[in-house]
C-alpha atoms as a PDB file:
ATOM      1  CA  MET A   1      10.940   4.035   3.134  1.00  0.00           C
ATOM      2  CA  LYS A   2       9.646   2.461  -0.057  1.00  0.00           C
ATOM      3  CA  ILE A   3      11.393   4.779  -2.521  1.00  0.00           C
ATOM      4  CA  TYR A   4      14.818   4.275  -0.933  1.00  0.00           C
ATOM      5  CA  GLY A   5      14.494   0.508  -1.177  1.00  0.00           C
ATOM      6  CA  GLU A   6      13.548   0.752  -4.851  1.00  0.00           C
ATOM      7  CA  LEU A   7      16.415   3.105  -5.658  1.00  0.00           C
ATOM      8  CA  LEU A   8      18.863   0.826  -3.839  1.00  0.00           C
ATOM      9  CA  ILE A   9      17.728  -2.178  -5.882  1.00  0.00           C
ATOM     10  CA  PHE A  10      18.095  -0.379  -9.214  1.00  0.00           C
ATOM     11  CA  LEU A  11      21.474   1.035  -8.168  1.00  0.00           C
ATOM     12  CA  LEU A  12      22.757  -2.443  -7.276  1.00  0.00           C
ATOM     13  CA  LEU A  13      21.531  -3.764 -10.610  1.00  0.00           C
ATOM     14  CA  LEU A  14      23.246  -0.905 -12.429  1.00  0.00           C
ATOM     15  CA  ILE A  15      26.574  -1.507 -10.675  1.00  0.00           C
ATOM     16  CA  THR A  16      26.342  -5.253 -11.291  1.00  0.00           C
ATOM     17  CA  ASN A  17      25.909  -4.767 -15.022  1.00  0.00           C
ATOM     18  CA  LEU A  18      28.522  -2.044 -15.417  1.00  0.00           C
ATOM     19  CA  ARG A  19      31.211  -4.378 -14.050  1.00  0.00           C
ATOM     20  CA  VAL A  20      31.433  -6.383 -17.294  1.00  0.00           C
ATOM     21  CA  PHE A  21      32.988  -3.426 -19.124  1.00  0.00           C
ATOM     22  CA  PHE A  22      35.809  -2.901 -16.648  1.00  0.00           C
ATOM     23  CA  VAL A  23      37.578  -6.249 -16.502  1.00  0.00           C
ATOM     24  CA  LYS A  24      41.279  -5.506 -17.201  1.00  0.00           C
ATOM     25  CA  LYS A  25      42.863  -8.653 -15.852  1.00  0.00           C
ATOM     26  CA  THR A  26      42.073 -12.077 -14.459  1.00  0.00           C
ATOM     27  CA  LYS A  27      40.389 -11.741 -11.078  1.00  0.00           C
ATOM     28  CA  LYS A  28      37.491 -12.842  -8.948  1.00  0.00           C
ATOM     29  CA  ASP A  29      34.125 -11.205  -9.568  1.00  0.00           C
ATOM     30  CA  PRO A  30      32.642 -10.229  -6.154  1.00  0.00           C
ATOM     31  CA  ILE A  31      30.451  -7.487  -7.638  1.00  0.00           C
ATOM     32  CA  VAL A  32      28.267 -10.151  -9.253  1.00  0.00           C
ATOM     33  CA  SER A  33      26.986 -11.010  -5.756  1.00  0.00           C
ATOM     34  CA  LEU A  34      25.099  -7.708  -5.805  1.00  0.00           C
ATOM     35  CA  GLY A  35      22.670  -9.287  -8.267  1.00  0.00           C
ATOM     36  CA  PRO A  36      21.279 -11.909  -5.847  1.00  0.00           C
ATOM     37  CA  THR A  37      21.320  -9.215  -3.149  1.00  0.00           C
ATOM     38  CA  ALA A  38      19.114  -6.984  -5.315  1.00  0.00           C
ATOM     39  CA  PHE A  39      16.789  -9.927  -6.026  1.00  0.00           C
ATOM     40  CA  PHE A  40      16.468 -10.659  -2.299  1.00  0.00           C
ATOM     41  CA  LEU A  41      15.759  -6.988  -1.573  1.00  0.00           C
ATOM     42  CA  SER A  42      13.069  -6.905  -4.278  1.00  0.00           C
ATOM     43  CA  ILE A  43      11.288  -9.767  -2.515  1.00  0.00           C
ATOM     44  CA  LEU A  44      11.490  -7.882   0.788  1.00  0.00           C
ATOM     45  CA  GLN A  45      10.017  -4.805  -0.914  1.00  0.00           C
ATOM     46  CA  ILE A  46       7.027  -6.856  -2.068  1.00  0.00           C
ATOM     47  CA  LEU A  47       6.563  -8.348   1.396  1.00  0.00           C
ATOM     48  CA  ALA A  48       6.680  -4.871   2.934  1.00  0.00           C
ATOM     49  CA  TRP A  49       4.724  -2.854   0.339  1.00  0.00           C
ATOM     50  CA  LYS A  50       2.877  -5.465  -1.749  1.00  0.00           C
ATOM     51  CA  VAL A  51       2.940  -5.641  -5.540  1.00  0.00           C
ATOM     52  CA  ASP A  52       2.665  -2.453  -7.563  1.00  0.00           C
ATOM     53  CA  LEU A  53       4.160  -1.341 -10.856  1.00  0.00           C
ATOM     54  CA  ILE A  54       7.569  -0.399  -9.446  1.00  0.00           C
ATOM     55  CA  THR A  55       8.017  -3.320  -7.017  1.00  0.00           C
ATOM     56  CA  ALA A  56       7.004  -5.739  -9.789  1.00  0.00           C
ATOM     57  CA  TYR A  57       9.414  -4.082 -12.226  1.00  0.00           C
ATOM     58  CA  ALA A  58      12.283  -4.266  -9.717  1.00  0.00           C
ATOM     59  CA  PHE A  59      11.536  -7.934  -9.004  1.00  0.00           C
ATOM     60  CA  LEU A  60      11.396  -8.949 -12.677  1.00  0.00           C
ATOM     61  CA  LEU A  61      14.503  -6.982 -13.605  1.00  0.00           C
ATOM     62  CA  SER A  62      16.536  -8.430 -10.736  1.00  0.00           C
ATOM     63  CA  LEU A  63      15.299 -11.921 -11.645  1.00  0.00           C
ATOM     64  CA  ILE A  64      16.435 -11.400 -15.252  1.00  0.00           C
ATOM     65  CA  LEU A  65      19.837 -10.273 -14.023  1.00  0.00           C
ATOM     66  CA  VAL A  66      20.255 -13.333 -11.793  1.00  0.00           C
ATOM     67  CA  LEU A  67      19.305 -15.661 -14.640  1.00  0.00           C
ATOM     68  CA  THR A  68      21.567 -13.986 -17.219  1.00  0.00           C
ATOM     69  CA  ASN A  69      24.451 -13.888 -14.736  1.00  0.00           C
ATOM     70  CA  PHE A  70      23.930 -17.394 -13.416  1.00  0.00           C
ATOM     71  CA  HIS A  71      27.312 -18.697 -14.639  1.00  0.00           C
ATOM     72  CA  ALA A  72      29.158 -15.658 -13.285  1.00  0.00           C
ATOM     73  CA  ILE A  73      27.441 -16.096  -9.907  1.00  0.00           C
ATOM     74  CA  PHE A  74      28.331 -19.788  -9.919  1.00  0.00           C
ATOM     75  CA  ARG A  75      31.976 -19.017 -10.722  1.00  0.00           C
ATOM     76  CA  PHE A  76      32.208 -16.494  -7.926  1.00  0.00           C
ATOM     77  CA  PHE A  77      30.816 -18.808  -5.258  1.00  0.00           C
ATOM     78  CA  SER A  78      33.042 -21.578  -6.593  1.00  0.00           C
ATOM     79  CA  ARG A  79      36.043 -19.225  -6.108  1.00  0.00           C
ATOM     80  CA  LEU A  80      36.917 -19.280  -9.797  1.00  0.00           C
ATOM     81  CA  TYR A  81      38.550 -16.405 -11.680  1.00  0.00           C
ATOM     82  CA  VAL A  82      37.234 -14.331 -14.570  1.00  0.00           C
ATOM     83  CA  ASP A  83      39.451 -13.024 -17.386  1.00  0.00           C
ATOM     84  CA  HIS A  84      36.796 -11.722 -19.798  1.00  0.00           C
ATOM     85  CA  TYR A  85      33.069 -11.589 -20.507  1.00  0.00           C
ATOM     86  CA  SER A  86      31.412 -12.858 -23.670  1.00  0.00           C
ATOM     87  CA  ASN A  87      29.731 -10.598 -26.187  1.00  0.00           C
ATOM     88  CA  LEU A  88      26.378 -12.131 -25.211  1.00  0.00           C
ATOM     89  CA  MET A  89      27.021 -11.190 -21.593  1.00  0.00           C
ATOM     90  CA  LYS A  90      27.877  -7.650 -22.656  1.00  0.00           C
ATOM     91  CA  PHE A  91      24.717  -7.470 -24.765  1.00  0.00           C
ATOM     92  CA  TRP A  92      22.538  -8.430 -21.798  1.00  0.00           C
ATOM     93  CA  ALA A  93      24.473  -6.007 -19.631  1.00  0.00           C
ATOM     94  CA  VAL A  94      23.639  -3.122 -21.973  1.00  0.00           C
ATOM     95  CA  ILE A  95      19.954  -4.094 -21.955  1.00  0.00           C
ATOM     96  CA  THR A  96      19.752  -4.348 -18.175  1.00  0.00           C
ATOM     97  CA  ILE A  97      21.781  -1.139 -17.707  1.00  0.00           C
ATOM     98  CA  ILE A  98      19.204   0.709 -19.802  1.00  0.00           C
ATOM     99  CA  LEU A  99      16.332  -0.932 -17.899  1.00  0.00           C
ATOM    100  CA  SER A 100      17.975  -0.115 -14.548  1.00  0.00           C
ATOM    101  CA  ILE A 101      18.384   3.551 -15.519  1.00  0.00           C
ATOM    102  CA  ILE A 102      14.727   3.619 -16.597  1.00  0.00           C
ATOM    103  CA  GLY A 103      13.807   2.188 -13.175  1.00  0.00           C
ATOM    104  CA  ILE A 104      15.830   4.857 -11.358  1.00  0.00           C
ATOM    105  CA  VAL A 105      14.347   7.692 -13.427  1.00  0.00           C
ATOM    106  CA  PHE A 106      10.802   6.329 -13.096  1.00  0.00           C
ATOM    107  CA  THR A 107      11.165   5.929  -9.324  1.00  0.00           C
ATOM    108  CA  ILE A 108      12.458   9.482  -8.882  1.00  0.00           C
ATOM    109  CA  VAL A 109       9.944  11.133 -11.236  1.00  0.00           C
ATOM    110  CA  PHE A 110       6.983   9.355  -9.623  1.00  0.00           C
ATOM    111  CA  ALA A 111       8.281   9.408  -6.045  1.00  0.00           C
ATOM    112  CA  PRO A 112       5.411   9.625  -3.545  1.00  0.00           C
ATOM    113  CA  THR A 113       4.741  12.950  -1.885  1.00  0.00           C
ATOM    114  CA  GLN A 114       5.868  12.446   1.696  1.00  0.00           C
ATOM    115  CA  ILE A 115       4.226  14.037   4.732  1.00  0.00           C
ATOM    116  CA  HIS A 116       6.259  13.418   7.864  1.00  0.00           C
ATOM    117  CA  ASN A 117       4.269  12.615  10.998  1.00  0.00           C
ATOM    118  CA  SER A 118       6.855  14.339  13.185  1.00  0.00           C
ATOM    119  CA  LYS A 119       6.318  17.650  11.387  1.00  0.00           C
ATOM    120  CA  LEU A 120       2.559  17.332  11.793  1.00  0.00           C
ATOM    121  CA  GLY A 121       2.893  16.393  15.456  1.00  0.00           C
ATOM    122  CA  ILE A 122       0.955  13.156  15.057  1.00  0.00           C
ATOM    123  CA  THR A 123       1.691   9.504  15.822  1.00  0.00           C
ATOM    124  CA  GLU A 124       0.978   6.623  13.457  1.00  0.00           C
ATOM    125  CA  SER A 125       0.690   3.143  14.981  1.00  0.00           C
ATOM    126  CA  GLU A 126      -0.025  -0.270  13.506  1.00  0.00           C
ATOM    127  CA  PHE A 127      -1.730  -3.086  15.436  1.00  0.00           C
ATOM    128  CA  LYS A 128      -1.585  -6.544  13.851  1.00  0.00           C
ATOM    129  CA  TYR A 129      -4.043  -9.412  14.292  1.00  0.00           C
ATOM    130  CA  GLN A 130      -4.234 -13.049  13.281  1.00  0.00           C
ATOM    131  CA  GLY A 131      -7.211 -15.321  12.749  1.00  0.00           C
ATOM    132  CA  SER A 132     -10.302 -15.274  10.570  1.00  0.00           C
ATOM    133  CA  PHE A 133     -13.902 -14.073  10.575  1.00  0.00           C
ATOM    134  CA  LYS A 134     -15.042 -17.534  11.667  1.00  0.00           C
ATOM    135  CA  SER A 135     -12.529 -18.111  14.468  1.00  0.00           C
ATOM    136  CA  GLY A 136     -12.165 -14.470  15.500  1.00  0.00           C
ATOM    137  CA  LEU A 137      -9.201 -12.087  15.411  1.00  0.00           C
ATOM    138  CA  VAL A 138      -6.632 -11.823  18.202  1.00  0.00           C
ATOM    139  CA  GLU A 139      -3.382  -9.927  18.603  1.00  0.00           C
ATOM    140  CA  ILE A 140      -0.674 -11.507  16.524  1.00  0.00           C
ATOM    141  CA  GLU A 141       1.806 -13.929  18.044  1.00  0.00           C
ATOM    142  CA  PRO A 142       5.480 -14.227  17.013  1.00  0.00           C
ATOM    143  CA  PHE A 143       6.141 -15.976  13.679  1.00  0.00           C
ATOM    144  CA  HIS A 144       2.499 -15.699  12.559  1.00  0.00           C
ATOM    145  CA  ASP A 145       1.308 -13.916   9.432  1.00  0.00           C
ATOM    146  CA  ASN A 146      -1.062 -11.039  10.106  1.00  0.00           C
ATOM    147  CA  SER A 147      -4.631 -11.369   8.854  1.00  0.00           C
ATOM    148  CA  ALA A 148      -5.553  -7.776   9.637  1.00  0.00           C
ATOM    149  CA  SER A 149      -3.856  -4.515  10.503  1.00  0.00           C
ATOM    150  CA  ILE A 150      -5.446  -1.568  12.282  1.00  0.00           C
ATOM    151  CA  TYR A 151      -3.689   1.760  11.766  1.00  0.00           C
ATOM    152  CA  GLU A 152      -4.191   4.560  14.266  1.00  0.00           C
ATOM    153  CA  PHE A 153      -3.410   8.207  13.537  1.00  0.00           C
ATOM    154  CA  SER A 154      -3.535  10.293  16.699  1.00  0.00           C
ATOM    155  CA  MET A 155      -2.144  13.456  18.253  1.00  0.00           C
ATOM    156  CA  PHE A 156      -2.530  11.889  21.718  1.00  0.00           C
ATOM    157  CA  PRO A 157      -1.858   8.155  21.372  1.00  0.00           C
ATOM    158  CA  GLU A 158      -1.528   7.691  25.124  1.00  0.00           C
ATOM    159  CA  LEU A 159      -5.273   8.298  25.635  1.00  0.00           C
ATOM    160  CA  LYS A 160      -7.153   5.018  25.915  1.00  0.00           C
ATOM    161  CA  ASP A 161     -10.808   5.718  26.726  1.00  0.00           C
ATOM    162  CA  ARG A 162     -12.170   7.936  23.967  1.00  0.00           C
ATOM    163  CA  LYS A 163     -15.605   9.331  23.220  1.00  0.00           C
ATOM    164  CA  ASN A 164     -15.214   9.849  19.478  1.00  0.00           C
ATOM    165  CA  VAL A 165     -13.030   8.181  16.867  1.00  0.00           C
ATOM    166  CA  VAL A 166     -13.109   8.496  13.079  1.00  0.00           C
ATOM    167  CA  LEU A 167     -13.206   5.092  11.403  1.00  0.00           C
ATOM    168  CA  PHE A 168     -11.985   5.074   7.821  1.00  0.00           C
ATOM    169  CA  VAL A 169     -12.999   2.204   5.529  1.00  0.00           C
ATOM    170  CA  PRO A 170     -10.769   2.130   2.432  1.00  0.00           C
ATOM    171  CA  ASP A 171     -11.898   0.988  -0.970  1.00  0.00           C
ATOM    172  CA  LYS A 172     -10.208  -2.300  -1.864  1.00  0.00           C
ATOM    173  CA  ARG A 173      -8.679  -0.818  -5.008  1.00  0.00           C
ATOM    174  CA  ALA A 174      -6.556   1.057  -2.518  1.00  0.00           C
ATOM    175  CA  ASP A 175      -5.569   0.397   1.060  1.00  0.00           C
ATOM    176  CA  THR A 176      -4.623   2.506   4.059  1.00  0.00           C
ATOM    177  CA  TYR A 177      -1.271   3.428   2.494  1.00  0.00           C
ATOM    178  CA  ASN A 178      -2.946   4.951  -0.560  1.00  0.00           C
ATOM    179  CA  TYR A 179      -5.109   7.190   1.640  1.00  0.00           C
ATOM    180  CA  ARG A 180      -2.273   8.046   4.008  1.00  0.00           C
ATOM    181  CA  PRO A 181      -1.828  11.753   3.060  1.00  0.00           C
ATOM    182  CA  TYR A 182      -5.536  12.319   3.649  1.00  0.00           C
ATOM    183  CA  LEU A 183      -5.531  10.432   6.958  1.00  0.00           C
ATOM    184  CA  GLN A 184      -2.449  12.297   8.190  1.00  0.00           C
ATOM    185  CA  LEU A 185      -3.915  15.717   7.437  1.00  0.00           C
ATOM    186  CA  LEU A 186      -7.306  14.750   8.877  1.00  0.00           C
ATOM    187  CA  CYS A 187      -5.580  13.684  12.081  1.00  0.00           C
ATOM    188  CA  LYS A 188      -3.745  17.015  12.172  1.00  0.00           C
ATOM    189  CA  ALA A 189      -7.164  18.691  12.022  1.00  0.00           C
ATOM    190  CA  GLY A 190      -7.812  17.282  15.483  1.00  0.00           C
ATOM    191  CA  PHE A 191      -9.264  13.784  15.085  1.00  0.00           C
ATOM    192  CA  THR A 192      -8.147  10.317  16.100  1.00  0.00           C
ATOM    193  CA  ILE A 193      -8.509   8.042  13.072  1.00  0.00           C
ATOM    194  CA  CYS A 194      -8.470   4.283  12.630  1.00  0.00           C
ATOM    195  CA  SER A 195      -8.201   2.476   9.315  1.00  0.00           C
ATOM    196  CA  ALA A 196      -8.049  -1.277   8.830  1.00  0.00           C
ATOM    197  CA  ASP A 197      -6.780  -3.605   6.098  1.00  0.00           C
ATOM    198  CA  PHE A 198      -8.131  -7.183   6.195  1.00  0.00           C
ATOM    199  CA  TYR A 199      -6.563 -10.242   4.559  1.00  0.00           C
ATOM    200  CA  VAL A 200      -8.397 -13.100   6.274  1.00  0.00           C
ATOM    201  CA  GLU A 201      -8.533 -16.454   4.523  1.00  0.00           C
ATOM    202  CA  ASP A 202     -12.318 -16.804   4.732  1.00  0.00           C
ATOM    203  CA  CYS A 203     -13.023 -13.619   2.779  1.00  0.00           C
ATOM    204  CA  LYS A 204     -12.332 -13.900  -0.948  1.00  0.00           C
ATOM    205  CA  TRP A 205     -12.511 -10.998  -3.381  1.00  0.00           C
ATOM    206  CA  MET A 206     -11.336 -12.431  -6.695  1.00  0.00           C
ATOM    207  CA  HIS A 207     -11.406 -16.203  -6.056  1.00  0.00           C
ATOM    208  CA  SER A 208      -7.989 -16.645  -7.603  1.00  0.00           C
ATOM    209  CA  LEU A 209      -4.310 -16.274  -6.801  1.00  0.00           C
ATOM    210  CA  ALA A 210      -4.960 -12.535  -6.761  1.00  0.00           C
ATOM    211  CA  ASP A 211      -6.648 -12.928  -3.363  1.00  0.00           C
ATOM    212  CA  SER A 212      -3.157 -12.978  -1.863  1.00  0.00           C
ATOM    213  CA  LYS A 213      -2.543  -9.935   0.328  1.00  0.00           C
ATOM    214  CA  TYR A 214       0.347  -9.004  -1.955  1.00  0.00           C
ATOM    215  CA  LEU A 215      -1.704  -9.132  -5.173  1.00  0.00           C
ATOM    216  CA  ARG A 216      -5.307  -8.308  -4.236  1.00  0.00           C
ATOM    217  CA  ARG A 217      -5.122  -4.560  -4.568  1.00  0.00           C
ATOM    218  CA  LEU A 218      -3.304  -4.794  -7.899  1.00  0.00           C
ATOM    219  CA  GLY A 219      -5.819  -7.333  -9.208  1.00  0.00           C
ATOM    220  CA  LEU A 220      -8.836  -5.210  -8.310  1.00  0.00           C
ATOM    221  CA  LEU A 221      -7.104  -2.114  -9.639  1.00  0.00           C
ATOM    222  CA  ILE A 222      -6.426  -3.702 -13.031  1.00  0.00           C
ATOM    223  CA  GLN A 223      -9.955  -5.099 -13.233  1.00  0.00           C
ATOM    224  CA  SER A 224     -11.474  -1.727 -12.347  1.00  0.00           C
ATOM    225  CA  ILE A 225      -9.449   0.180 -14.957  1.00  0.00           C
ATOM    226  CA  PHE A 226      -9.525  -2.302 -17.843  1.00  0.00           C
ATOM    227  CA  ASP A 227     -12.735  -4.297 -17.194  1.00  0.00           C
ATOM    228  CA  ASN A 228     -14.943  -1.853 -15.348  1.00  0.00           C
ATOM    229  CA  GLN A 229     -18.199  -3.498 -16.394  1.00  0.00           C
ATOM    230  CA  ASN A 230     -17.185  -6.794 -14.799  1.00  0.00           C
ATOM    231  CA  PHE A 231     -15.943  -4.953 -11.709  1.00  0.00           C
ATOM    232  CA  ASN A 232     -19.219  -3.053 -11.255  1.00  0.00           C
ATOM    233  CA  SER A 233     -21.268  -6.237 -11.651  1.00  0.00           C
ATOM    234  CA  LYS A 234     -19.786  -7.504  -8.364  1.00  0.00           C
ATOM    235  CA  ARG A 235     -20.788  -4.523  -6.208  1.00  0.00           C
ATOM    236  CA  GLU A 236     -23.242  -6.532  -4.094  1.00  0.00           C
ATOM    237  CA  PHE A 237     -20.573  -9.146  -3.411  1.00  0.00           C
ATOM    238  CA  TYR A 238     -18.079  -6.462  -2.368  1.00  0.00           C
ATOM    239  CA  THR A 239     -20.685  -4.959  -0.042  1.00  0.00           C
ATOM    240  CA  PHE A 240     -21.142  -8.303   1.695  1.00  0.00           C
ATOM    241  CA  ASN A 241     -17.391  -8.623   2.281  1.00  0.00           C
ATOM    242  CA  ILE A 242     -17.038  -5.123   3.698  1.00  0.00           C
ATOM    243  CA  LYS A 243     -19.922  -5.774   6.097  1.00  0.00           C
ATOM    244  CA  GLN A 244     -18.036  -8.817   7.366  1.00  0.00           C
ATOM    245  CA  GLU A 245     -14.990  -6.652   7.950  1.00  0.00           C
ATOM    246  CA  LEU A 246     -16.981  -4.038   9.859  1.00  0.00           C
ATOM    247  CA  ASN A 247     -18.615  -6.692  12.050  1.00  0.00           C
ATOM    248  CA  ALA A 248     -15.174  -8.105  12.887  1.00  0.00           C
ATOM    249  CA  LEU A 249     -13.632  -4.667  13.402  1.00  0.00           C
ATOM    250  CA  LEU A 250     -16.123  -3.191  15.860  1.00  0.00           C
ATOM    251  CA  PRO A 251     -15.311  -5.590  18.766  1.00  0.00           C
ATOM    252  CA  LEU A 252     -11.586  -4.897  18.297  1.00  0.00           C
ATOM    253  CA  LEU A 253     -12.185  -1.147  18.471  1.00  0.00           C
ATOM    254  CA  THR A 254     -14.473  -1.538  21.500  1.00  0.00           C
ATOM    255  CA  GLU A 255     -11.725  -3.485  23.250  1.00  0.00           C
ATOM    256  CA  LYS A 256      -9.244  -0.761  22.370  1.00  0.00           C
ATOM    257  CA  TYR A 257     -11.246   2.408  23.094  1.00  0.00           C
ATOM    258  CA  GLY A 258     -13.965   1.247  25.468  1.00  0.00           C
ATOM    259  CA  PRO A 259     -17.735   0.688  25.100  1.00  0.00           C
ATOM    260  CA  GLN A 260     -18.493   4.407  25.453  1.00  0.00           C
ATOM    261  CA  CYS A 261     -16.701   5.329  22.212  1.00  0.00           C
ATOM    262  CA  ARG A 262     -18.725   6.303  19.153  1.00  0.00           C
ATOM    263  CA  TYR A 263     -17.459   6.142  15.594  1.00  0.00           C
ATOM    264  CA  PHE A 264     -17.906   8.432  12.642  1.00  0.00           C
ATOM    265  CA  ILE A 265     -17.316   6.347   9.504  1.00  0.00           C
ATOM    266  CA  ILE A 266     -15.737   7.719   6.342  1.00  0.00           C
ATOM    267  CA  THR A 267     -15.496   5.530   3.259  1.00  0.00           C
ATOM    268  CA  ASP A 268     -14.922   5.677  -0.467  1.00  0.00           C
ATOM    269  CA  GLY A 269     -16.205   3.951  -3.581  1.00  0.00           C
ATOM    270  CA  MET A 270     -17.281   0.362  -2.974  1.00  0.00           C
ATOM    271  CA  GLY A 271     -17.724   0.895   0.781  1.00  0.00           C
ATOM    272  CA  LYS A 272     -20.783   3.178   0.630  1.00  0.00           C
ATOM    273  CA  THR A 273     -23.627   0.653   0.777  1.00  0.00           C
ATOM    274  CA  ALA A 274     -21.936  -1.489   3.429  1.00  0.00           C
ATOM    275  CA  VAL A 275     -21.200   1.514   5.650  1.00  0.00           C
ATOM    276  CA  THR A 276     -24.737   2.885   5.251  1.00  0.00           C
ATOM    277  CA  ASP A 277     -26.283  -0.456   6.244  1.00  0.00           C
ATOM    278  CA  PHE A 278     -23.841  -0.921   9.116  1.00  0.00           C
ATOM    279  CA  ALA A 279     -24.558   2.552  10.517  1.00  0.00           C
ATOM    280  CA  GLN A 280     -28.303   1.904  10.392  1.00  0.00           C
ATOM    281  CA  SER A 281     -27.931  -1.403  12.256  1.00  0.00           C
ATOM    282  CA  HIS A 282     -25.580   0.092  14.906  1.00  0.00           C
ATOM    283  CA  PRO A 283     -27.081   3.486  15.815  1.00  0.00           C
ATOM    284  CA  GLU A 284     -25.619   3.388  19.337  1.00  0.00           C
ATOM    285  CA  GLU A 285     -22.049   3.011  18.122  1.00  0.00           C
ATOM    286  CA  ILE A 286     -22.093   5.022  14.874  1.00  0.00           C
ATOM    287  CA  SER A 287     -22.490   8.803  15.088  1.00  0.00           C
ATOM    288  CA  GLY A 288     -22.532   9.458  11.341  1.00  0.00           C
ATOM    289  CA  THR A 289     -21.110   8.686   7.920  1.00  0.00           C
ATOM    290  CA  PHE A 290     -19.391  10.545   5.097  1.00  0.00           C
ATOM    291  CA  PHE A 291     -18.452   9.468   1.571  1.00  0.00           C
ATOM    292  CA  LEU A 292     -15.301  10.832  -0.041  1.00  0.00           C
ATOM    293  CA  ASP A 293     -16.661  10.337  -3.539  1.00  0.00           C
ATOM    294  CA  SER A 294     -19.410  12.845  -2.720  1.00  0.00           C
ATOM    295  CA  ILE A 295     -16.741  15.567  -3.072  1.00  0.00           C
ATOM    296  CA  PRO A 296     -16.743  16.666  -6.761  1.00  0.00           C
ATOM    297  CA  GLU A 297     -13.139  17.867  -6.558  1.00  0.00           C
ATOM    298  CA  TYR A 298     -11.964  14.362  -5.602  1.00  0.00           C
ATOM    299  CA  LYS A 299     -11.028  12.937  -9.009  1.00  0.00           C
ATOM    300  CA  THR A 300      -9.832   9.454  -8.034  1.00  0.00           C
ATOM    301  CA  PRO A 301     -12.784   7.867  -6.168  1.00  0.00           C
ATOM    302  CA  GLY A 302     -11.983   4.331  -5.101  1.00  0.00           C
ATOM    303  CA  TYR A 303      -8.253   4.705  -5.746  1.00  0.00           C
ATOM    304  CA  GLY A 304      -7.245   6.906  -2.818  1.00  0.00           C
ATOM    305  CA  CYS A 305      -4.686   9.700  -2.950  1.00  0.00           C
ATOM    306  CA  ILE A 306      -2.773   8.191  -5.855  1.00  0.00           C
ATOM    307  CA  GLU A 307      -1.979  11.728  -7.040  1.00  0.00           C
ATOM    308  CA  GLN A 308       0.502  11.714  -4.171  1.00  0.00           C
ATOM    309  CA  THR A 309       1.259   8.024  -3.541  1.00  0.00           C
ATOM    310  CA  GLU A 310       1.347   6.590  -7.102  1.00  0.00           C
ATOM    311  CA  ALA A 311       1.308   9.491  -9.540  1.00  0.00           C
ATOM    312  CA  TYR A 312       1.930   7.210 -12.555  1.00  0.00           C
ATOM    313  CA  LEU A 313      -1.637   5.891 -12.187  1.00  0.00           C
ATOM    314  CA  THR A 314      -2.984   9.341 -13.054  1.00  0.00           C
ATOM    315  CA  TYR A 315      -2.146   8.657 -16.722  1.00  0.00           C
ATOM    316  CA  PRO A 316      -4.503   5.700 -17.359  1.00  0.00           C
ATOM    317  CA  LEU A 317      -7.158   7.569 -15.345  1.00  0.00           C
ATOM    318  CA  ASN A 318      -6.594  10.703 -17.446  1.00  0.00           C
ATOM    319  CA  ILE A 319      -6.173  13.115 -14.545  1.00  0.00           C
ATOM    320  CA  GLN A 320      -3.470  15.493 -13.373  1.00  0.00           C
ATOM    321  CA  ALA A 321      -1.084  14.690 -10.520  1.00  0.00           C
ATOM    322  CA  ASP A 322      -1.506  16.860  -7.420  1.00  0.00           C
ATOM    323  CA  ARG A 323       1.836  17.297  -5.669  1.00  0.00           C
ATOM    324  CA  SER A 324       0.567  20.411  -3.853  1.00  0.00           C
ATOM    325  CA  LEU A 325      -1.975  18.369  -1.828  1.00  0.00           C
ATOM    326  CA  PHE A 326      -4.623  20.987  -2.712  1.00  0.00           C
ATOM    327  CA  THR A 327      -7.367  18.437  -3.368  1.00  0.00           C
ATOM    328  CA  THR A 328      -6.410  16.360  -0.349  1.00  0.00           C
ATOM    329  CA  ARG A 329      -6.565  19.391   1.933  1.00  0.00           C
ATOM    330  CA  TYR A 330      -9.999  20.242   0.530  1.00  0.00           C
ATOM    331  CA  MET A 331     -11.144  16.665   1.214  1.00  0.00           C
ATOM    332  CA  VAL A 332      -9.966  17.102   4.807  1.00  0.00           C
ATOM    333  CA  LEU A 333     -11.918  20.368   5.089  1.00  0.00           C
ATOM    334  CA  LYS A 334     -15.175  18.807   3.900  1.00  0.00           C
ATOM    335  CA  SER A 335     -14.641  15.714   6.061  1.00  0.00           C
ATOM    336  CA  SER A 336     -13.931  17.847   9.150  1.00  0.00           C
ATOM    337  CA  GLN A 337     -17.146  19.804   8.642  1.00  0.00           C
ATOM    338  CA  ALA A 338     -19.177  16.584   8.414  1.00  0.00           C
ATOM    339  CA  ILE A 339     -17.524  15.108  11.535  1.00  0.00           C
ATOM    340  CA  LYS A 340     -18.074  18.238  13.625  1.00  0.00           C
ATOM    341  CA  GLU A 341     -21.723  18.462  12.583  1.00  0.00           C
ATOM    342  CA  ALA A 342     -22.283  14.839  13.610  1.00  0.00           C
ATOM    343  CA  ILE A 343     -20.546  15.316  16.970  1.00  0.00           C
ATOM    344  CA  LEU A 344     -22.662  18.407  17.726  1.00  0.00           C
ATOM    345  CA  LYS A 345     -25.864  16.525  16.907  1.00  0.00           C
ATOM    346  CA  ASN A 346     -24.888  13.699  19.242  1.00  0.00           C
END
């Protein structure tokens, strides 16, 4: 899991820096190899979980360590011996030791609230696709980067032909991961849920390097928090993009669940207008809609369940963390009521 990878990186960095204070005699320095290992792991963390505050911090800190220990790393791989470390090396070691301890403490204090699928009796599956809106999306082939992922939360994953499925459309300031506690508990309430994250090349959100799948969420998040006026001015553009995603997603879901399946769409924040228009243009496929930000108790509209997944973001948003999942459970209750009402009407 994400937290274990982060803790491992900071622990490796801590051990690497502590070594400089324990050299008693001339010897090789194999512990220095933990630095490049930590740097490599930080890259894997970004590839697996994308860029957020902690993964970025771990990457930068491990990069600093590699650069400041470059000569020691070179000596080790050249099979040279070390008899002492310079005062400058010890100075940097103290700095990076402090920064590593801060990383460990920060990671533990703001660890995500975990809900285990096995305890809930649900199954979470990911289906990856490659392609674009123009060429179409197909199941991913080996050694290809995925352009879209569909996540399914189900109590009965073996069932193929379904009559009703809940389709969740995340705000782009979050993604499926940031709504995961809500989706897990909603599934436990008796619904099969699909949520999709798109990263196709022919759909740009920021028209910059931040359109990368690893940076997009962070870029939109920063813009929303620190330049909200500019963010809100692009609402119509965001609506157009989400409509493209829904038009690409529906055929994939029809292929998966059959033409008889109907979808109840839940969305948040920037997805409202797109989902409303899509439901009106597809009355045979869409049984109803519900907007999470219509729930007054939901204090982080557009950002997902960050009170559980990224509690440190509650500070710039000036809200309280919710480790008890009280608000999330209430969101599930209101969502369940809306879904059941729509199913009864149809």
